[in-house]
């Protein structure tokens, strides 16, 4: 089995690339979905997040409101970057270890089901979480800054200027693409057409399959 990390900055198109790999035969799990399941009421991660960030982040039914949690982590102390960074780190210290354990368990299960599988984890913060060594290969998806903003605006249904500001704010909590690329075995530039991206995915897939 080959364990593959699929990462990239916000709105780079990781999910689209991941779907292309799945269509070719990869097994894929999204770290964001794992984190979402770990933040369900009653889970240990949920309890810790509420304890650290307050019940103000909850919906009326007790579930975590992702927008409020993001605002609590990324938003406060806008004039004090060090305080904002400490809140982001606080959230990451709670969530990342549990997500990584779940990812590792999922990959082990994929290996048991098919020793020749390509098991792929799509996650924005693989490198930031110190989880690179959990994978045999790393794929980084990139695109240009304006495309990130346009995609984010479309996805979140906000205007372009608001999207630019939000993308910049979130990118500040991630490694820049240049650093991610240094750690990559494969880079997929998602700045062009979907067909060009699909061609690159096919090329990378053939190399992954030969190594699985």
Protein backbone atom coordinates (compact mmCIF):
# COMPACT_ATOMS: atom_id res chain seq x y z
CA UNK A 1 0.00 0.00 0.00
CA UNK A 2 1.10 3.54 -0.71
CA UNK A 3 0.16 6.27 1.79
CA UNK A 4 -0.25 9.62 0.05
CA UNK A 5 -0.84 13.07 1.50
CA UNK A 6 -2.76 15.53 -0.70
CA UNK A 7 -2.38 19.11 0.48
CA UNK A 8 -2.41 22.74 -0.64
CA UNK A 9 -3.51 26.17 0.51
CA UNK A 10 -7.10 27.29 0.95
CA UNK A 11 -9.23 27.18 -2.24
CA UNK A 12 -6.38 25.69 -4.28
CA UNK A 13 -8.67 22.94 -5.59
CA UNK A 14 -7.56 20.00 -3.41
CA UNK A 15 -11.04 18.47 -3.36
CA UNK A 16 -11.41 18.63 -7.15
CA UNK A 17 -8.00 16.99 -7.57
CA UNK A 18 -8.91 14.41 -4.93
CA UNK A 19 -12.08 13.50 -6.85
CA UNK A 20 -9.99 13.01 -9.97
CA UNK A 21 -7.72 10.58 -8.12
CA UNK A 22 -10.73 8.70 -6.75
CA UNK A 23 -12.09 8.34 -10.30
CA UNK A 24 -8.80 6.67 -11.24
CA UNK A 25 -8.94 4.24 -8.32
CA UNK A 26 -7.45 5.97 -5.26
CA UNK A 27 -9.05 5.54 -1.85
CA UNK A 28 -9.46 8.93 -0.24
CA UNK A 29 -10.50 10.42 3.08
CA UNK A 30 -10.83 14.14 3.83
CA UNK A 31 -9.29 15.37 7.07
CA UNK A 32 -12.00 18.03 7.25
CA UNK A 33 -14.68 15.33 7.39
CA UNK A 34 -12.76 13.53 10.12
CA UNK A 35 -12.48 16.77 12.12
CA UNK A 36 -16.20 17.38 11.62
CA UNK A 37 -17.06 13.93 13.02
CA UNK A 38 -14.71 14.46 15.99
CA UNK A 39 -16.53 17.71 16.81
CA UNK A 40 -19.90 16.05 17.27
CA UNK A 41 -21.44 16.43 20.76
CA UNK A 42 -20.10 13.82 23.15
CA UNK A 43 -16.74 13.43 21.43
CA UNK A 44 -13.60 14.26 23.44
CA UNK A 45 -12.45 16.82 20.83
CA UNK A 46 -15.86 18.54 20.97
CA UNK A 47 -15.63 18.82 24.77
CA UNK A 48 -12.13 20.31 24.62
CA UNK A 49 -13.01 22.79 21.88
CA UNK A 50 -16.05 24.03 23.82
CA UNK A 51 -14.00 24.25 27.01
CA UNK A 52 -11.34 26.39 25.32
CA UNK A 53 -13.50 28.53 23.02
CA UNK A 54 -16.76 28.81 24.96
CA UNK A 55 -20.37 27.87 24.33
CA UNK A 56 -20.72 30.94 22.09
CA UNK A 57 -19.41 28.79 19.22
CA UNK A 58 -22.39 26.41 19.47
CA UNK A 59 -25.65 26.32 17.58
CA UNK A 60 -28.90 26.08 19.54
CA UNK A 61 -28.88 22.29 19.17
CA UNK A 62 -25.41 22.07 20.76
CA UNK A 63 -23.51 21.38 17.53
CA UNK A 64 -20.40 23.41 16.68
CA UNK A 65 -21.03 26.37 14.39
CA UNK A 66 -17.98 26.20 12.13
CA UNK A 67 -18.15 29.89 11.17
CA UNK A 68 -18.24 31.01 14.80
CA UNK A 69 -15.37 28.69 15.68
CA UNK A 70 -13.32 30.08 12.79
CA UNK A 71 -14.09 33.61 13.95
CA UNK A 72 -13.08 32.71 17.51
CA UNK A 73 -9.77 31.24 16.31
CA UNK A 74 -8.89 33.55 13.40
CA UNK A 75 -10.82 36.69 14.23
CA UNK A 76 -10.05 38.08 17.68
CA UNK A 77 -7.28 40.53 18.45
CA UNK A 78 -6.98 41.69 14.85
CA UNK A 79 -4.41 44.29 15.97
CA UNK A 80 -2.41 41.69 17.89
CA UNK A 81 -1.19 38.99 15.49
CA UNK A 82 0.65 37.11 18.23
CA UNK A 83 -2.56 36.69 20.23
CA UNK A 84 -4.46 35.59 17.14
CA UNK A 85 -1.73 33.05 16.32
CA UNK A 86 -1.90 31.64 19.83
CA UNK A 87 -5.65 31.04 19.47
CA UNK A 88 -5.14 29.22 16.17
CA UNK A 89 -2.38 27.12 17.73
CA UNK A 90 -4.68 26.36 20.66
CA UNK A 91 -7.34 24.99 18.31
CA UNK A 92 -4.78 23.02 16.32
CA UNK A 93 -3.32 21.42 19.47
CA UNK A 94 -6.78 20.08 20.31
CA UNK A 95 -7.82 18.90 16.86
CA UNK A 96 -4.69 17.84 14.96
CA UNK A 97 -3.52 14.88 17.11
CA UNK A 98 -6.98 13.28 17.08
CA UNK A 99 -7.36 13.79 13.32
CA UNK A 100 -3.91 12.32 12.66
CA UNK A 101 -4.71 9.24 14.78
CA UNK A 102 -7.93 8.75 12.84
CA UNK A 103 -6.16 9.18 9.49
CA UNK A 104 -3.52 6.62 10.45
CA UNK A 105 -6.19 4.13 11.50
CA UNK A 106 -8.05 4.64 8.23
CA UNK A 107 -4.88 4.06 6.18
CA UNK A 108 -4.10 0.87 8.11
CA UNK A 109 -7.61 -0.39 7.36
CA UNK A 110 -7.22 0.44 3.65
CA UNK A 111 -3.96 -1.56 3.64
CA UNK A 112 -5.70 -4.53 5.23
CA UNK A 113 -8.46 -4.41 2.62
CA UNK A 114 -6.06 -4.06 -0.32
CA UNK A 115 -2.26 -4.35 0.11
CA UNK A 116 -1.82 -2.61 -3.27
CA UNK A 117 -4.13 0.31 -2.50
CA UNK A 118 -3.21 3.96 -2.91
CA UNK A 119 -4.61 5.44 0.31
CA UNK A 120 -4.85 9.23 0.05
CA UNK A 121 -5.56 11.76 2.81
CA UNK A 122 -6.73 15.21 1.67
CA UNK A 123 -5.77 17.78 4.31
CA UNK A 124 -4.86 21.46 4.25
CA UNK A 125 -2.42 21.32 7.17
CA UNK A 126 -0.40 18.11 6.80
CA UNK A 127 2.90 19.97 6.93
CA UNK A 128 1.82 22.49 9.56
CA UNK A 129 0.63 19.63 11.79
CA UNK A 130 3.99 17.86 11.51
CA UNK A 131 2.35 14.83 9.86
CA UNK A 132 4.50 14.56 6.71
CA UNK A 133 6.30 11.47 8.01
CA UNK A 134 2.98 9.60 8.17
CA UNK A 135 2.99 9.43 4.35
CA UNK A 136 5.10 7.80 1.68
CA UNK A 137 4.43 10.53 -0.88
CA UNK A 138 3.23 14.13 -0.77
CA UNK A 139 1.20 15.91 -3.45
CA UNK A 140 0.81 19.69 -3.30
CA UNK A 141 -1.94 21.47 -5.25
CA UNK A 142 -1.29 25.10 -6.16
CA UNK A 143 -3.03 27.96 -7.94
CA UNK A 144 -2.60 31.72 -8.13
CA UNK A 145 -3.87 34.13 -5.47
CA UNK A 146 -6.68 35.65 -7.52
CA UNK A 147 -8.07 32.23 -8.41
CA UNK A 148 -8.11 31.33 -4.72
CA UNK A 149 -10.18 34.42 -3.99
CA UNK A 150 -12.58 33.78 -6.88
CA UNK A 151 -13.11 30.15 -5.87
CA UNK A 152 -13.56 31.07 -2.22
CA UNK A 153 -16.08 33.80 -3.14
CA UNK A 154 -18.09 31.34 -5.22
CA UNK A 155 -17.96 28.62 -2.56
CA UNK A 156 -18.89 30.88 0.36
CA UNK A 157 -21.22 33.12 -1.67
CA UNK A 158 -19.43 36.33 -0.65
CA UNK A 159 -18.17 39.24 -2.74
CA UNK A 160 -14.67 39.12 -4.19
CA UNK A 161 -13.14 41.76 -1.92
CA UNK A 162 -14.39 39.99 1.20
CA UNK A 163 -13.05 36.72 -0.22
CA UNK A 164 -9.61 38.25 -0.81
CA UNK A 165 -9.42 39.42 2.79
CA UNK A 166 -10.60 36.09 4.22
CA UNK A 167 -8.24 34.05 2.04
CA UNK A 168 -5.33 36.28 3.07
CA UNK A 169 -6.28 35.89 6.73
CA UNK A 170 -6.44 32.11 6.52
CA UNK A 171 -3.32 31.80 4.36
CA UNK A 172 -1.41 33.66 7.08
CA UNK A 173 -1.99 30.63 9.32
CA UNK A 174 -0.63 28.22 6.69
CA UNK A 175 2.78 27.65 5.17
CA UNK A 176 3.24 29.54 1.90
CA UNK A 177 3.07 27.49 -1.29
CA UNK A 178 6.82 27.87 -1.77
CA UNK A 179 7.44 25.95 1.48
CA UNK A 180 4.84 23.31 0.69
CA UNK A 181 6.38 22.74 -2.74
CA UNK A 182 9.79 22.08 -1.17
CA UNK A 183 8.24 19.17 0.76
CA UNK A 184 6.34 17.79 -2.25
CA UNK A 185 7.06 14.69 -4.30
CA UNK A 186 4.53 15.89 -6.87
CA UNK A 187 3.10 19.37 -7.60
CA UNK A 188 -0.20 19.81 -9.42
CA UNK A 189 -0.70 23.35 -10.73
CA UNK A 190 -4.46 23.91 -10.77
CA UNK A 191 -4.26 27.38 -12.31
CA UNK A 192 -5.22 26.30 -15.83
CA UNK A 193 -8.13 24.40 -17.27
CA UNK A 194 -9.71 21.39 -15.58
CA UNK A 195 -8.54 19.28 -18.51
CA UNK A 196 -4.92 20.34 -17.93
CA UNK A 197 -5.28 19.50 -14.25
CA UNK A 198 -6.78 16.12 -15.14
CA UNK A 199 -3.82 15.36 -17.42
CA UNK A 200 -1.38 16.11 -14.61
CA UNK A 201 -3.41 13.98 -12.17
CA UNK A 202 -3.30 11.08 -14.65
CA UNK A 203 0.47 11.46 -14.96
CA UNK A 204 0.95 11.46 -11.17
CA UNK A 205 -1.48 8.55 -10.74
CA UNK A 206 0.52 6.33 -13.08
CA UNK A 207 3.63 6.96 -11.00
CA UNK A 208 1.78 6.31 -7.72
CA UNK A 209 0.32 3.04 -9.04
CA UNK A 210 3.75 1.83 -10.12
CA UNK A 211 5.02 2.39 -6.57
CA UNK A 212 2.01 1.02 -4.65
